[in-house]
Amino acid sequence: MSSPTKSRVAEARAELENTLDAIEDKLNLRKRVTSSYQANPVPWIIGAAVAAIAVAGVVAWAILSDDD
């Protein structure tokens, strides 16, 4: 193979590697969630608190309702 061909192959490989890395970053949910939480944890904390209150409310409703 000539030098220009090797250079084009190396460029194509580098471009493919960058594309695959970008796809992996886009599809890696754990990495995206961790990044989002580290950037701004307040919405995550509020969401968890709301979910916990909702679950507690459903449990309390199920226990205390008069559906005998």
C-alpha atoms as a PDB file:
ATOM      1  CA  MET A   1       0.000   0.000   0.000  1.00  0.00           C
ATOM      2  CA  SER A   2       1.213   3.473  -0.773  1.00  0.00           C
ATOM      3  CA  SER A   3       1.650   6.171   1.837  1.00  0.00           C
ATOM      4  CA  PRO A   4      -1.410   8.239   0.763  1.00  0.00           C
ATOM      5  CA  THR A   5      -3.568   5.113   0.945  1.00  0.00           C
ATOM      6  CA  LYS A   6      -2.271   4.301   4.422  1.00  0.00           C
ATOM      7  CA  SER A   7      -2.989   7.864   5.453  1.00  0.00           C
ATOM      8  CA  ARG A   8      -6.584   7.656   4.188  1.00  0.00           C
ATOM      9  CA  VAL A   9      -7.089   4.327   5.947  1.00  0.00           C
ATOM     10  CA  ALA A  10      -5.764   5.788   9.204  1.00  0.00           C
ATOM     11  CA  GLU A  11      -8.067   8.803   8.839  1.00  0.00           C
ATOM     12  CA  ALA A  12     -11.053   6.556   8.146  1.00  0.00           C
ATOM     13  CA  ARG A  13     -10.252   4.418  11.191  1.00  0.00           C
ATOM     14  CA  ALA A  14      -9.940   7.492  13.407  1.00  0.00           C
ATOM     15  CA  GLU A  15     -13.249   8.853  12.100  1.00  0.00           C
ATOM     16  CA  LEU A  16     -14.953   5.497  12.661  1.00  0.00           C
ATOM     17  CA  GLU A  17     -13.550   5.326  16.199  1.00  0.00           C
ATOM     18  CA  ASN A  18     -14.870   8.823  16.955  1.00  0.00           C
ATOM     19  CA  THR A  19     -18.271   7.931  15.540  1.00  0.00           C
ATOM     20  CA  LEU A  20     -18.487   4.731  17.595  1.00  0.00           C
ATOM     21  CA  ASP A  21     -17.438   6.614  20.737  1.00  0.00           C
ATOM     22  CA  ALA A  22     -20.170   9.190  20.118  1.00  0.00           C
ATOM     23  CA  ILE A  23     -22.766   6.451  19.611  1.00  0.00           C
ATOM     24  CA  GLU A  24     -21.641   4.703  22.796  1.00  0.00           C
ATOM     25  CA  ASP A  25     -21.905   7.948  24.781  1.00  0.00           C
ATOM     26  CA  LYS A  26     -25.384   8.580  23.373  1.00  0.00           C
ATOM     27  CA  LEU A  27     -26.665   5.089  24.230  1.00  0.00           C
ATOM     28  CA  ASN A  28     -24.983   4.657  27.623  1.00  0.00           C
ATOM     29  CA  LEU A  29     -27.870   5.515  29.952  1.00  0.00           C
ATOM     30  CA  ARG A  30     -25.916   5.056  33.189  1.00  0.00           C
ATOM     31  CA  LYS A  31     -23.222   7.454  32.002  1.00  0.00           C
ATOM     32  CA  ARG A  32     -25.812  10.033  30.908  1.00  0.00           C
ATOM     33  CA  VAL A  33     -27.733   9.831  34.197  1.00  0.00           C
ATOM     34  CA  THR A  34     -24.547  10.096  36.242  1.00  0.00           C
ATOM     35  CA  SER A  35     -23.432  13.077  34.188  1.00  0.00           C
ATOM     36  CA  SER A  36     -26.829  14.729  34.545  1.00  0.00           C
ATOM     37  CA  TYR A  37     -26.904  14.139  38.303  1.00  0.00           C
ATOM     38  CA  GLN A  38     -23.385  15.498  38.761  1.00  0.00           C
ATOM     39  CA  ALA A  39     -24.230  18.587  36.709  1.00  0.00           C
ATOM     40  CA  ASN A  40     -27.390  19.393  38.718  1.00  0.00           C
ATOM     41  CA  PRO A  41     -28.568  17.004  41.456  1.00  0.00           C
ATOM     42  CA  VAL A  42     -31.517  19.140  42.636  1.00  0.00           C
ATOM     43  CA  PRO A  43     -34.099  17.835  40.096  1.00  0.00           C
ATOM     44  CA  TRP A  44     -33.043  14.256  40.839  1.00  0.00           C
ATOM     45  CA  ILE A  45     -33.431  14.772  44.588  1.00  0.00           C
ATOM     46  CA  ILE A  46     -36.824  16.439  44.139  1.00  0.00           C
ATOM     47  CA  GLY A  47     -37.956  13.643  41.829  1.00  0.00           C
ATOM     48  CA  ALA A  48     -36.880  10.978  44.318  1.00  0.00           C
ATOM     49  CA  ALA A  49     -38.692  12.794  47.147  1.00  0.00           C
ATOM     50  CA  VAL A  50     -41.882  13.104  45.085  1.00  0.00           C
ATOM     51  CA  ALA A  51     -41.719   9.421  44.148  1.00  0.00           C
ATOM     52  CA  ALA A  52     -41.224   8.414  47.797  1.00  0.00           C
ATOM     53  CA  ILE A  53     -44.171  10.567  48.901  1.00  0.00           C
ATOM     54  CA  ALA A  54     -46.349   9.077  46.133  1.00  0.00           C
ATOM     55  CA  VAL A  55     -45.462   5.526  47.161  1.00  0.00           C
ATOM     56  CA  ALA A  56     -46.094   6.305  50.828  1.00  0.00           C
ATOM     57  CA  GLY A  57     -49.452   7.853  49.907  1.00  0.00           C
ATOM     58  CA  VAL A  58     -50.528   4.805  47.904  1.00  0.00           C
ATOM     59  CA  VAL A  59     -49.473   2.464  50.710  1.00  0.00           C
ATOM     60  CA  ALA A  60     -51.304   4.569  53.310  1.00  0.00           C
ATOM     61  CA  TRP A  61     -54.401   4.704  51.112  1.00  0.00           C
ATOM     62  CA  ALA A  62     -54.327   0.931  50.643  1.00  0.00           C
ATOM     63  CA  ILE A  63     -53.960   0.298  54.375  1.00  0.00           C
ATOM     64  CA  LEU A  64     -56.438   2.890  55.611  1.00  0.00           C
ATOM     65  CA  SER A  65     -59.191   2.594  52.991  1.00  0.00           C
ATOM     66  CA  ASP A  66     -62.477   0.919  53.938  1.00  0.00           C
ATOM     67  CA  ASP A  67     -62.728  -1.529  51.045  1.00  0.00           C
ATOM     68  CA  ASP A  68     -63.756  -4.532  53.140  1.00  0.00           C
END
